[in-house]
Amino acid sequence: MLTILLYLIVMALVGGMIFLAASAVFGRSEELPPLQPGTTAAVLPAEGVTSADVDALRFQQVLRGYKASEVDWALHRLGMEIDSLRAQLEARSESAPEVVDADAEAVSERPDDV
């Protein structure tokens, strides 16, 4: 019985030393300061979102994934950008319908690559 207790104590000491060594190597207390309430680390430009902006987009991680409010905000911003681009495209097509029709005919005349 004393041998089992001695093994448990030695295992706890070795485990504690390994934990302390790993904490010294990997846990250097280089934590970022907390964000102010109501702010986010996710950043997108006000206009002209590019694929590089979306690739660089990062969200704060929480217990079960990403912070939902940041993801919702980013999706809302991207949706607004898509709506803006669609409105610009429709405005262009209304101002020059013959150009759009000529492009549509050129596309329909192309042979299939199948």
PDB file of N, CA and C in Angstrom:
ATOM      1  N   MET A   1       0.832  -1.194   0.000  1.00  0.00           N
ATOM      2  CA  MET A   1       0.000   0.000   0.000  1.00  0.00           C
ATOM      3  C   MET A   1       0.876   1.256   0.000  1.00  0.00           C
ATOM      4  N   LEU A   2       1.959   1.196   0.766  1.00  0.00           N
ATOM      5  CA  LEU A   2       2.868   2.340   0.831  1.00  0.00           C
ATOM      6  C   LEU A   2       3.544   2.565  -0.519  1.00  0.00           C
ATOM      7  N   THR A   3       3.811   1.501  -1.247  1.00  0.00           N
ATOM      8  CA  THR A   3       4.449   1.608  -2.565  1.00  0.00           C
ATOM      9  C   THR A   3       3.528   2.329  -3.559  1.00  0.00           C
ATOM     10  N   ILE A   4       2.247   2.003  -3.545  1.00  0.00           N
ATOM     11  CA  ILE A   4       1.287   2.656  -4.441  1.00  0.00           C
ATOM     12  C   ILE A   4       1.189   4.138  -4.111  1.00  0.00           C
ATOM     13  N   LEU A   5       1.156   4.474  -2.827  1.00  0.00           N
ATOM     14  CA  LEU A   5       1.093   5.883  -2.407  1.00  0.00           C
ATOM     15  C   LEU A   5       2.353   6.616  -2.835  1.00  0.00           C
ATOM     16  N   LEU A   6       3.490   5.980  -2.711  1.00  0.00           N
ATOM     17  CA  LEU A   6       4.757   6.594  -3.135  1.00  0.00           C
ATOM     18  C   LEU A   6       4.765   6.818  -4.642  1.00  0.00           C
ATOM     19  N   TYR A   7       4.290   5.837  -5.426  1.00  0.00           N
ATOM     20  CA  TYR A   7       4.189   6.006  -6.875  1.00  0.00           C
ATOM     21  C   TYR A   7       3.279   7.171  -7.236  1.00  0.00           C
ATOM     22  N   LEU A   8       2.157   7.303  -6.588  1.00  0.00           N
ATOM     23  CA  LEU A   8       1.226   8.403  -6.863  1.00  0.00           C
ATOM     24  C   LEU A   8       1.859   9.761  -6.560  1.00  0.00           C
ATOM     25  N   ILE A   9       2.590   9.859  -5.461  1.00  0.00           N
ATOM     26  CA  ILE A   9       3.248  11.118  -5.094  1.00  0.00           C
ATOM     27  C   ILE A   9       4.324  11.469  -6.116  1.00  0.00           C
ATOM     28  N   VAL A  10       5.113  10.478  -6.518  1.00  0.00           N
ATOM     29  CA  VAL A  10       6.167  10.724  -7.509  1.00  0.00           C
ATOM     30  C   VAL A  10       5.548  11.125  -8.843  1.00  0.00           C
ATOM     31  N   MET A  11       4.474  10.458  -9.254  1.00  0.00           N
ATOM     32  CA  MET A  11       3.807  10.822 -10.512  1.00  0.00           C
ATOM     33  C   MET A  11       3.244  12.234 -10.453  1.00  0.00           C
ATOM     34  N   ALA A  12       2.697  12.629  -9.322  1.00  0.00           N
ATOM     35  CA  ALA A  12       2.166  13.988  -9.175  1.00  0.00           C
ATOM     36  C   ALA A  12       3.300  15.006  -9.242  1.00  0.00           C
ATOM     37  N   LEU A  13       4.436  14.724  -8.608  1.00  0.00           N
ATOM     38  CA  LEU A  13       5.573  15.643  -8.662  1.00  0.00           C
ATOM     39  C   LEU A  13       6.145  15.762 -10.076  1.00  0.00           C
ATOM     40  N   VAL A  14       6.284  14.623 -10.762  1.00  0.00           N
ATOM     41  CA  VAL A  14       6.791  14.652 -12.136  1.00  0.00           C
ATOM     42  C   VAL A  14       5.807  15.396 -13.046  1.00  0.00           C
ATOM     43  N   GLY A  15       4.536  15.149 -12.897  1.00  0.00           N
ATOM     44  CA  GLY A  15       3.522  15.857 -13.680  1.00  0.00           C
ATOM     45  C   GLY A  15       3.549  17.350 -13.410  1.00  0.00           C
ATOM     46  N   GLY A  16       3.712  17.725 -12.158  1.00  0.00           N
ATOM     47  CA  GLY A  16       3.802  19.150 -11.811  1.00  0.00           C
ATOM     48  C   GLY A  16       5.036  19.799 -12.415  1.00  0.00           C
ATOM     49  N   MET A  17       6.163  19.081 -12.403  1.00  0.00           N
ATOM     50  CA  MET A  17       7.388  19.644 -12.988  1.00  0.00           C
ATOM     51  C   MET A  17       7.245  19.789 -14.506  1.00  0.00           C
ATOM     52  N   ILE A  18       6.628  18.817 -15.148  1.00  0.00           N
ATOM     53  CA  ILE A  18       6.396  18.921 -16.594  1.00  0.00           C
ATOM     54  C   ILE A  18       5.467  20.095 -16.899  1.00  0.00           C
ATOM     55  N   PHE A  19       4.431  20.270 -16.093  1.00  0.00           N
ATOM     56  CA  PHE A  19       3.516  21.391 -16.277  1.00  0.00           C
ATOM     57  C   PHE A  19       4.247  22.720 -16.116  1.00  0.00           C
ATOM     58  N   LEU A  20       5.067  22.855 -15.100  1.00  0.00           N
ATOM     59  CA  LEU A  20       5.810  24.094 -14.882  1.00  0.00           C
ATOM     60  C   LEU A  20       6.793  24.368 -16.016  1.00  0.00           C
ATOM     61  N   ALA A  21       7.463  23.311 -16.500  1.00  0.00           N
ATOM     62  CA  ALA A  21       8.404  23.485 -17.614  1.00  0.00           C
ATOM     63  C   ALA A  21       7.664  23.920 -18.879  1.00  0.00           C
ATOM     64  N   ALA A  22       6.522  23.298 -19.163  1.00  0.00           N
ATOM     65  CA  ALA A  22       5.737  23.678 -20.345  1.00  0.00           C
ATOM     66  C   ALA A  22       5.201  25.099 -20.197  1.00  0.00           C
ATOM     67  N   SER A  23       4.793  25.480 -19.005  1.00  0.00           N
ATOM     68  CA  SER A  23       4.311  26.844 -18.778  1.00  0.00           C
ATOM     69  C   SER A  23       5.419  27.861 -18.980  1.00  0.00           C
ATOM     70  N   ALA A  24       6.620  27.522 -18.556  1.00  0.00           N
ATOM     71  CA  ALA A  24       7.748  28.440 -18.733  1.00  0.00           C
ATOM     72  C   ALA A  24       8.113  28.591 -20.200  1.00  0.00           C
ATOM     73  N   VAL A  25       8.000  27.513 -20.969  1.00  0.00           N
ATOM     74  CA  VAL A  25       8.376  27.568 -22.384  1.00  0.00           C
ATOM     75  C   VAL A  25       7.277  28.189 -23.233  1.00  0.00           C
ATOM     76  N   PHE A  26       6.047  27.747 -23.055  1.00  0.00           N
ATOM     77  CA  PHE A  26       4.968  28.162 -23.946  1.00  0.00           C
ATOM     78  C   PHE A  26       4.109  29.294 -23.401  1.00  0.00           C
ATOM     79  N   GLY A  27       3.967  29.427 -22.130  1.00  0.00           N
ATOM     80  CA  GLY A  27       3.111  30.454 -21.555  1.00  0.00           C
ATOM     81  C   GLY A  27       3.919  31.628 -21.059  1.00  0.00           C
ATOM     82  N   ARG A  28       4.196  32.562 -21.939  1.00  0.00           N
ATOM     83  CA  ARG A  28       5.066  33.689 -21.592  1.00  0.00           C
ATOM     84  C   ARG A  28       4.291  34.924 -21.171  1.00  0.00           C
ATOM     85  N   SER A  29       3.024  34.791 -20.894  1.00  0.00           N
ATOM     86  CA  SER A  29       2.179  35.904 -20.450  1.00  0.00           C
ATOM     87  C   SER A  29       2.144  37.019 -21.475  1.00  0.00           C
ATOM     88  N   GLU A  30       2.143  36.669 -22.754  1.00  0.00           N
ATOM     89  CA  GLU A  30       2.080  37.663 -23.813  1.00  0.00           C
ATOM     90  C   GLU A  30       0.648  37.784 -24.316  1.00  0.00           C
ATOM     91  N   GLU A  31      -0.260  37.983 -23.413  1.00  0.00           N
ATOM     92  CA  GLU A  31      -1.660  38.075 -23.785  1.00  0.00           C
ATOM     93  C   GLU A  31      -1.978  39.472 -24.295  1.00  0.00           C
ATOM     94  N   LEU A  32      -2.906  39.524 -25.261  1.00  0.00           N
ATOM     95  CA  LEU A  32      -3.365  40.811 -25.741  1.00  0.00           C
ATOM     96  C   LEU A  32      -4.314  41.416 -24.712  1.00  0.00           C
ATOM     97  N   PRO A  33      -4.320  42.733 -24.607  1.00  0.00           N
ATOM     98  CA  PRO A  33      -5.274  43.337 -23.683  1.00  0.00           C
ATOM     99  C   PRO A  33      -6.702  43.092 -24.171  1.00  0.00           C
ATOM    100  N   PRO A  34      -7.666  43.025 -23.276  1.00  0.00           N
ATOM    101  CA  PRO A  34      -9.044  42.771 -23.709  1.00  0.00           C
ATOM    102  C   PRO A  34      -9.578  43.943 -24.536  1.00  0.00           C
ATOM    103  N   LEU A  35     -10.466  43.620 -25.476  1.00  0.00           N
ATOM    104  CA  LEU A  35     -11.074  44.657 -26.292  1.00  0.00           C
ATOM    105  C   LEU A  35     -12.079  45.461 -25.474  1.00  0.00           C
ATOM    106  N   GLN A  36     -12.251  46.702 -25.861  1.00  0.00           N
ATOM    107  CA  GLN A  36     -13.257  47.534 -25.215  1.00  0.00           C
ATOM    108  C   GLN A  36     -14.638  46.973 -25.535  1.00  0.00           C
ATOM    109  N   PRO A  37     -15.587  47.103 -24.620  1.00  0.00           N
ATOM    110  CA  PRO A  37     -16.939  46.603 -24.905  1.00  0.00           C
ATOM    111  C   PRO A  37     -17.523  47.284 -26.143  1.00  0.00           C
ATOM    112  N   GLY A  38     -18.168  46.505 -26.979  1.00  0.00           N
ATOM    113  CA  GLY A  38     -18.781  47.045 -28.183  1.00  0.00           C
ATOM    114  C   GLY A  38     -17.842  47.159 -29.364  1.00  0.00           C
ATOM    115  N   THR A  39     -16.571  46.757 -29.212  1.00  0.00           N
ATOM    116  CA  THR A  39     -15.622  46.809 -30.323  1.00  0.00           C
ATOM    117  C   THR A  39     -15.318  45.401 -30.792  1.00  0.00           C
ATOM    118  N   THR A  40     -14.659  45.301 -31.916  1.00  0.00           N
ATOM    119  CA  THR A  40     -14.338  44.004 -32.487  1.00  0.00           C
ATOM    120  C   THR A  40     -12.961  44.046 -33.127  1.00  0.00           C
ATOM    121  N   ALA A  41     -12.327  42.915 -33.210  1.00  0.00           N
ATOM    122  CA  ALA A  41     -11.036  42.823 -33.883  1.00  0.00           C
ATOM    123  C   ALA A  41     -11.219  42.579 -35.377  1.00  0.00           C
ATOM    124  N   ALA A  42     -12.434  42.225 -35.789  1.00  0.00           N
ATOM    125  CA  ALA A  42     -12.724  41.991 -37.197  1.00  0.00           C
ATOM    126  C   ALA A  42     -12.807  43.332 -37.918  1.00  0.00           C
ATOM    127  N   VAL A  43     -12.038  43.478 -39.012  1.00  0.00           N
ATOM    128  CA  VAL A  43     -11.971  44.749 -39.722  1.00  0.00           C
ATOM    129  C   VAL A  43     -12.211  44.513 -41.209  1.00  0.00           C
ATOM    130  N   LEU A  44     -13.111  45.306 -41.780  1.00  0.00           N
ATOM    131  CA  LEU A  44     -13.334  45.339 -43.220  1.00  0.00           C
ATOM    132  C   LEU A  44     -13.375  46.802 -43.641  1.00  0.00           C
ATOM    133  N   PRO A  45     -12.904  47.128 -44.853  1.00  0.00           N
ATOM    134  CA  PRO A  45     -12.959  48.516 -45.285  1.00  0.00           C
ATOM    135  C   PRO A  45     -14.401  48.985 -45.467  1.00  0.00           C
ATOM    136  N   ALA A  46     -14.607  50.296 -45.439  1.00  0.00           N
ATOM    137  CA  ALA A  46     -15.955  50.845 -45.570  1.00  0.00           C
ATOM    138  C   ALA A  46     -16.538  50.570 -46.941  1.00  0.00           C
ATOM    139  N   GLU A  47     -15.710  50.582 -47.978  1.00  0.00           N
ATOM    140  CA  GLU A  47     -16.164  50.312 -49.340  1.00  0.00           C
ATOM    141  C   GLU A  47     -15.091  49.526 -50.072  1.00  0.00           C
ATOM    142  N   GLY A  48     -15.470  48.863 -51.124  1.00  0.00           N
ATOM    143  CA  GLY A  48     -14.499  48.179 -51.966  1.00  0.00           C
ATOM    144  C   GLY A  48     -13.835  46.984 -51.311  1.00  0.00           C
ATOM    145  N   VAL A  49     -14.635  46.108 -50.725  1.00  0.00           N
ATOM    146  CA  VAL A  49     -14.088  44.907 -50.087  1.00  0.00           C
ATOM    147  C   VAL A  49     -13.503  44.002 -51.169  1.00  0.00           C
ATOM    148  N   THR A  50     -12.285  43.545 -50.969  1.00  0.00           N
ATOM    149  CA  THR A  50     -11.641  42.644 -51.913  1.00  0.00           C
ATOM    150  C   THR A  50     -11.498  41.262 -51.294  1.00  0.00           C
ATOM    151  N   SER A  51     -11.093  40.303 -52.116  1.00  0.00           N
ATOM    152  CA  SER A  51     -10.901  38.947 -51.592  1.00  0.00           C
ATOM    153  C   SER A  51      -9.759  38.912 -50.574  1.00  0.00           C
ATOM    154  N   ALA A  52      -8.769  39.776 -50.741  1.00  0.00           N
ATOM    155  CA  ALA A  52      -7.669  39.834 -49.766  1.00  0.00           C
ATOM    156  C   ALA A  52      -8.185  40.315 -48.409  1.00  0.00           C
ATOM    157  N   ASP A  53      -9.146  41.249 -48.417  1.00  0.00           N
ATOM    158  CA  ASP A  53      -9.741  41.713 -47.159  1.00  0.00           C
ATOM    159  C   ASP A  53     -10.479  40.582 -46.460  1.00  0.00           C
ATOM    160  N   VAL A  54     -11.199  39.786 -47.236  1.00  0.00           N
ATOM    161  CA  VAL A  54     -11.945  38.671 -46.654  1.00  0.00           C
ATOM    162  C   VAL A  54     -10.979  37.597 -46.149  1.00  0.00           C
ATOM    163  N   ASP A  55      -9.892  37.354 -46.891  1.00  0.00           N
ATOM    164  CA  ASP A  55      -8.899  36.373 -46.448  1.00  0.00           C
ATOM    165  C   ASP A  55      -8.215  36.809 -45.158  1.00  0.00           C
ATOM    166  N   ALA A  56      -8.017  38.109 -44.978  1.00  0.00           N
ATOM    167  CA  ALA A  56      -7.337  38.623 -43.790  1.00  0.00           C
ATOM    168  C   ALA A  56      -8.276  38.769 -42.594  1.00  0.00           C
ATOM    169  N   LEU A  57      -9.558  38.551 -42.802  1.00  0.00           N
ATOM    170  CA  LEU A  57     -10.551  38.715 -41.747  1.00  0.00           C
ATOM    171  C   LEU A  57     -10.366  37.649 -40.675  1.00  0.00           C
ATOM    172  N   ARG A  58     -10.260  38.067 -39.430  1.00  0.00           N
ATOM    173  CA  ARG A  58     -10.104  37.152 -38.299  1.00  0.00           C
ATOM    174  C   ARG A  58     -11.144  37.478 -37.240  1.00  0.00           C
ATOM    175  N   PHE A  59     -11.640  36.446 -36.569  1.00  0.00           N
ATOM    176  CA  PHE A  59     -12.651  36.618 -35.544  1.00  0.00           C
ATOM    177  C   PHE A  59     -12.100  36.193 -34.192  1.00  0.00           C
ATOM    178  N   GLN A  60     -12.654  36.798 -33.156  1.00  0.00           N
ATOM    179  CA  GLN A  60     -12.265  36.441 -31.792  1.00  0.00           C
ATOM    180  C   GLN A  60     -12.803  35.047 -31.490  1.00  0.00           C
ATOM    181  N   GLN A  61     -11.959  34.194 -30.933  1.00  0.00           N
ATOM    182  CA  GLN A  61     -12.402  32.842 -30.597  1.00  0.00           C
ATOM    183  C   GLN A  61     -12.951  32.817 -29.177  1.00  0.00           C
ATOM    184  N   VAL A  62     -14.037  32.097 -29.038  1.00  0.00           N
ATOM    185  CA  VAL A  62     -14.662  31.903 -27.737  1.00  0.00           C
ATOM    186  C   VAL A  62     -14.758  30.406 -27.484  1.00  0.00           C
ATOM    187  N   LEU A  63     -15.403  30.023 -26.419  1.00  0.00           N
ATOM    188  CA  LEU A  63     -15.428  28.636 -25.977  1.00  0.00           C
ATOM    189  C   LEU A  63     -15.852  27.656 -27.068  1.00  0.00           C
ATOM    190  N   ARG A  64     -16.881  27.970 -27.817  1.00  0.00           N
ATOM    191  CA  ARG A  64     -17.398  27.029 -28.820  1.00  0.00           C
ATOM    192  C   ARG A  64     -17.270  27.567 -30.240  1.00  0.00           C
ATOM    193  N   GLY A  65     -16.143  28.136 -30.586  1.00  0.00           N
ATOM    194  CA  GLY A  65     -15.939  28.596 -31.961  1.00  0.00           C
ATOM    195  C   GLY A  65     -15.584  30.066 -32.012  1.00  0.00           C
ATOM    196  N   TYR A  66     -16.266  30.795 -32.893  1.00  0.00           N
ATOM    197  CA  TYR A  66     -16.021  32.219 -33.060  1.00  0.00           C
ATOM    198  C   TYR A  66     -17.146  33.023 -32.438  1.00  0.00           C
ATOM    199  N   LYS A  67     -16.850  34.257 -32.110  1.00  0.00           N
ATOM    200  CA  LYS A  67     -17.847  35.127 -31.497  1.00  0.00           C
ATOM    201  C   LYS A  67     -18.936  35.423 -32.529  1.00  0.00           C
ATOM    202  N   ALA A  68     -20.148  35.017 -32.229  1.00  0.00           N
ATOM    203  CA  ALA A  68     -21.242  35.081 -33.195  1.00  0.00           C
ATOM    204  C   ALA A  68     -21.526  36.509 -33.650  1.00  0.00           C
ATOM    205  N   SER A  69     -21.419  37.483 -32.773  1.00  0.00           N
ATOM    206  CA  SER A  69     -21.713  38.864 -33.159  1.00  0.00           C
ATOM    207  C   SER A  69     -20.724  39.370 -34.204  1.00  0.00           C
ATOM    208  N   GLU A  70     -19.463  38.956 -34.128  1.00  0.00           N
ATOM    209  CA  GLU A  70     -18.472  39.377 -35.117  1.00  0.00           C
ATOM    210  C   GLU A  70     -18.733  38.725 -36.464  1.00  0.00           C
ATOM    211  N   VAL A  71     -19.083  37.442 -36.457  1.00  0.00           N
ATOM    212  CA  VAL A  71     -19.381  36.742 -37.701  1.00  0.00           C
ATOM    213  C   VAL A  71     -20.629  37.345 -38.345  1.00  0.00           C
ATOM    214  N   ASP A  72     -21.658  37.626 -37.539  1.00  0.00           N
ATOM    215  CA  ASP A  72     -22.872  38.245 -38.063  1.00  0.00           C
ATOM    216  C   ASP A  72     -22.567  39.609 -38.666  1.00  0.00           C
ATOM    217  N   TRP A  73     -21.720  40.388 -37.998  1.00  0.00           N
ATOM    218  CA  TRP A  73     -21.356  41.711 -38.510  1.00  0.00           C
ATOM    219  C   TRP A  73     -20.647  41.581 -39.849  1.00  0.00           C
ATOM    220  N   ALA A  74     -19.683  40.654 -39.958  1.00  0.00           N
ATOM    221  CA  ALA A  74     -18.926  40.482 -41.196  1.00  0.00           C
ATOM    222  C   ALA A  74     -19.849  40.030 -42.329  1.00  0.00           C
ATOM    223  N   LEU A  75     -20.750  39.098 -42.045  1.00  0.00           N
ATOM    224  CA  LEU A  75     -21.677  38.649 -43.080  1.00  0.00           C
ATOM    225  C   LEU A  75     -22.603  39.779 -43.509  1.00  0.00           C
ATOM    226  N   HIS A  76     -23.040  40.601 -42.573  1.00  0.00           N
ATOM    227  CA  HIS A  76     -23.885  41.755 -42.908  1.00  0.00           C
ATOM    228  C   HIS A  76     -23.129  42.728 -43.806  1.00  0.00           C
ATOM    229  N   ARG A  77     -21.860  43.013 -43.466  1.00  0.00           N
ATOM    230  CA  ARG A  77     -21.050  43.930 -44.276  1.00  0.00           C
ATOM    231  C   ARG A  77     -20.831  43.381 -45.679  1.00  0.00           C
ATOM    232  N   LEU A  78     -20.531  42.086 -45.785  1.00  0.00           N
ATOM    233  CA  LEU A  78     -20.335  41.474 -47.096  1.00  0.00           C
ATOM    234  C   LEU A  78     -21.637  41.474 -47.894  1.00  0.00           C
ATOM    235  N   GLY A  79     -22.753  41.246 -47.228  1.00  0.00           N
ATOM    236  CA  GLY A  79     -24.046  41.313 -47.902  1.00  0.00           C
ATOM    237  C   GLY A  79     -24.336  42.710 -48.424  1.00  0.00           C
ATOM    238  N   MET A  80     -24.016  43.722 -47.632  1.00  0.00           N
ATOM    239  CA  MET A  80     -24.202  45.104 -48.084  1.00  0.00           C
ATOM    240  C   MET A  80     -23.317  45.402 -49.286  1.00  0.00           C
ATOM    241  N   GLU A  81     -22.095  44.896 -49.280  1.00  0.00           N
ATOM    242  CA  GLU A  81     -21.178  45.105 -50.407  1.00  0.00           C
ATOM    243  C   GLU A  81     -21.721  44.435 -51.668  1.00  0.00           C
ATOM    244  N   ILE A  82     -22.253  43.240 -51.527  1.00  0.00           N
ATOM    245  CA  ILE A  82     -22.841  42.548 -52.671  1.00  0.00           C
ATOM    246  C   ILE A  82     -24.039  43.322 -53.209  1.00  0.00           C
ATOM    247  N   ASP A  83     -24.907  43.811 -52.307  1.00  0.00           N
ATOM    248  CA  ASP A  83     -26.059  44.604 -52.738  1.00  0.00           C
ATOM    249  C   ASP A  83     -25.619  45.875 -53.453  1.00  0.00           C
ATOM    250  N   SER A  84     -24.574  46.512 -52.948  1.00  0.00           N
ATOM    251  CA  SER A  84     -24.063  47.730 -53.575  1.00  0.00           C
ATOM    252  C   SER A  84     -23.536  47.437 -54.978  1.00  0.00           C
ATOM    253  N   LEU A  85     -22.770  46.370 -55.120  1.00  0.00           N
ATOM    254  CA  LEU A  85     -22.249  46.002 -56.438  1.00  0.00           C
ATOM    255  C   LEU A  85     -23.367  45.622 -57.399  1.00  0.00           C
ATOM    256  N   ARG A  86     -24.375  44.921 -56.891  1.00  0.00           N
ATOM    257  CA  ARG A  86     -25.512  44.544 -57.734  1.00  0.00           C
ATOM    258  C   ARG A  86     -26.275  45.788 -58.194  1.00  0.00           C
ATOM    259  N   ALA A  87     -26.443  46.770 -57.304  1.00  0.00           N
ATOM    260  CA  ALA A  87     -27.117  48.016 -57.680  1.00  0.00           C
ATOM    261  C   ALA A  87     -26.307  48.767 -58.733  1.00  0.00           C
ATOM    262  N   GLN A  88     -24.991  48.798 -58.587  1.00  0.00           N
ATOM    263  CA  GLN A  88     -24.151  49.453 -59.591  1.00  0.00           C
ATOM    264  C   GLN A  88     -24.261  48.742 -60.936  1.00  0.00           C
ATOM    265  N   LEU A  89     -24.284  47.425 -60.927  1.00  0.00           N
ATOM    266  CA  LEU A  89     -24.403  46.652 -62.158  1.00  0.00           C
ATOM    267  C   LEU A  89     -25.747  46.906 -62.832  1.00  0.00           C
ATOM    268  N   GLU A  90     -26.814  46.948 -62.042  1.00  0.00           N
ATOM    269  CA  GLU A  90     -28.136  47.214 -62.599  1.00  0.00           C
ATOM    270  C   GLU A  90     -28.215  48.631 -63.152  1.00  0.00           C
ATOM    271  N   ALA A  91     -27.581  49.597 -62.467  1.00  0.00           N
ATOM    272  CA  ALA A  91     -27.580  50.972 -62.963  1.00  0.00           C
ATOM    273  C   ALA A  91     -26.839  51.058 -64.288  1.00  0.00           C
ATOM    274  N   ARG A  92     -25.749  50.337 -64.419  1.00  0.00           N
ATOM    275  CA  ARG A  92     -25.003  50.327 -65.682  1.00  0.00           C
ATOM    276  C   ARG A  92     -25.817  49.668 -66.792  1.00  0.00           C
ATOM    277  N   SER A  93     -26.492  48.563 -66.463  1.00  0.00           N
ATOM    278  CA  SER A  93     -27.265  47.863 -67.489  1.00  0.00           C
ATOM    279  C   SER A  93     -28.459  48.695 -67.943  1.00  0.00           C
ATOM    280  N   GLU A  94     -29.038  49.506 -67.061  1.00  0.00           N
ATOM    281  CA  GLU A  94     -30.153  50.370 -67.445  1.00  0.00           C
ATOM    282  C   GLU A  94     -29.673  51.543 -68.292  1.00  0.00           C
ATOM    283  N   SER A  95     -28.462  52.044 -68.039  1.00  0.00           N
ATOM    284  CA  SER A  95     -27.964  53.186 -68.800  1.00  0.00           C
ATOM    285  C   SER A  95     -27.456  52.780 -70.176  1.00  0.00           C
ATOM    286  N   ALA A  96     -27.016  51.538 -70.350  1.00  0.00           N
ATOM    287  CA  ALA A  96     -26.507  51.071 -71.639  1.00  0.00           C
ATOM    288  C   ALA A  96     -27.022  49.666 -71.915  1.00  0.00           C
ATOM    289  N   PRO A  97     -28.330  49.517 -72.199  1.00  0.00           N
ATOM    290  CA  PRO A  97     -28.877  48.162 -72.397  1.00  0.00           C
ATOM    291  C   PRO A  97     -28.364  47.485 -73.655  1.00  0.00           C
ATOM    292  N   GLU A  98     -28.006  48.262 -74.704  1.00  0.00           N
ATOM    293  CA  GLU A  98     -27.540  47.634 -75.932  1.00  0.00           C
ATOM    294  C   GLU A  98     -26.189  46.958 -75.738  1.00  0.00           C
ATOM    295  N   VAL A  99     -25.347  47.477 -74.869  1.00  0.00           N
ATOM    296  CA  VAL A  99     -24.049  46.859 -74.606  1.00  0.00           C
ATOM    297  C   VAL A  99     -24.245  45.527 -73.889  1.00  0.00           C
ATOM    298  N   VAL A 100     -25.150  45.508 -72.926  1.00  0.00           N
ATOM    299  CA  VAL A 100     -25.421  44.282 -72.183  1.00  0.00           C
ATOM    300  C   VAL A 100     -26.018  43.239 -73.108  1.00  0.00           C
ATOM    301  N   ASP A 101     -26.953  43.641 -74.004  1.00  0.00           N
ATOM    302  CA  ASP A 101     -27.564  42.689 -74.925  1.00  0.00           C
ATOM    303  C   ASP A 101     -26.537  42.119 -75.890  1.00  0.00           C
ATOM    304  N   ALA A 102     -25.611  42.958 -76.369  1.00  0.00           N
ATOM    305  CA  ALA A 102     -24.565  42.478 -77.275  1.00  0.00           C
ATOM    306  C   ALA A 102     -23.667  41.481 -76.570  1.00  0.00           C
ATOM    307  N   ASP A 103     -23.354  41.737 -75.309  1.00  0.00           N
ATOM    308  CA  ASP A 103     -22.549  40.793 -74.548  1.00  0.00           C
ATOM    309  C   ASP A 103     -23.291  39.479 -74.349  1.00  0.00           C
ATOM    310  N   ALA A 104     -24.576  39.546 -74.102  1.00  0.00           N
ATOM    311  CA  ALA A 104     -25.369  38.330 -73.897  1.00  0.00           C
ATOM    312  C   ALA A 104     -25.413  37.509 -75.177  1.00  0.00           C
ATOM    313  N   GLU A 105     -25.544  38.182 -76.351  1.00  0.00           N
ATOM    314  CA  GLU A 105     -25.558  37.451 -77.609  1.00  0.00           C
ATOM    315  C   GLU A 105     -24.206  36.800 -77.879  1.00  0.00           C
ATOM    316  N   ALA A 106     -23.117  37.510 -77.549  1.00  0.00           N
ATOM    317  CA  ALA A 106     -21.779  36.956 -77.759  1.00  0.00           C
ATOM    318  C   ALA A 106     -21.559  35.722 -76.889  1.00  0.00           C
ATOM    319  N   VAL A 107     -22.063  35.751 -75.684  1.00  0.00           N
ATOM    320  CA  VAL A 107     -21.920  34.607 -74.788  1.00  0.00           C
ATOM    321  C   VAL A 107     -22.741  33.432 -75.303  1.00  0.00           C
ATOM    322  N   SER A 108     -23.958  33.717 -75.797  1.00  0.00           N
ATOM    323  CA  SER A 108     -24.815  32.622 -76.256  1.00  0.00           C
ATOM    324  C   SER A 108     -24.296  32.015 -77.558  1.00  0.00           C
ATOM    325  N   GLU A 109     -23.476  32.760 -78.339  1.00  0.00           N
ATOM    326  CA  GLU A 109     -22.953  32.243 -79.590  1.00  0.00           C
ATOM    327  C   GLU A 109     -21.695  31.406 -79.398  1.00  0.00           C
ATOM    328  N   ARG A 110     -21.086  31.436 -78.238  1.00  0.00           N
ATOM    329  CA  ARG A 110     -19.877  30.662 -77.993  1.00  0.00           C
ATOM    330  C   ARG A 110     -20.198  29.172 -77.967  1.00  0.00           C
ATOM    331  N   PRO A 111     -19.322  28.346 -78.538  1.00  0.00           N
ATOM    332  CA  PRO A 111     -19.570  26.901 -78.479  1.00  0.00           C
ATOM    333  C   PRO A 111     -19.331  26.377 -77.070  1.00  0.00           C
ATOM    334  N   ASP A 112     -20.010  25.310 -76.767  1.00  0.00           N
ATOM    335  CA  ASP A 112     -19.810  24.689 -75.454  1.00  0.00           C
ATOM    336  C   ASP A 112     -18.481  23.982 -75.405  1.00  0.00           C
ATOM    337  N   ASP A 113     -17.839  24.045 -74.242  1.00  0.00           N
ATOM    338  CA  ASP A 113     -16.525  23.406 -74.063  1.00  0.00           C
ATOM    339  C   ASP A 113     -16.648  21.988 -73.556  1.00  0.00           C
ATOM    340  N   VAL A 114     -17.808  21.405 -73.702  1.00  0.00           N
ATOM    341  CA  VAL A 114     -18.052  20.081 -73.130  1.00  0.00           C
ATOM    342  C   VAL A 114     -17.423  19.013 -73.906  1.00  0.00           C
TER     343      VAL A 114
END
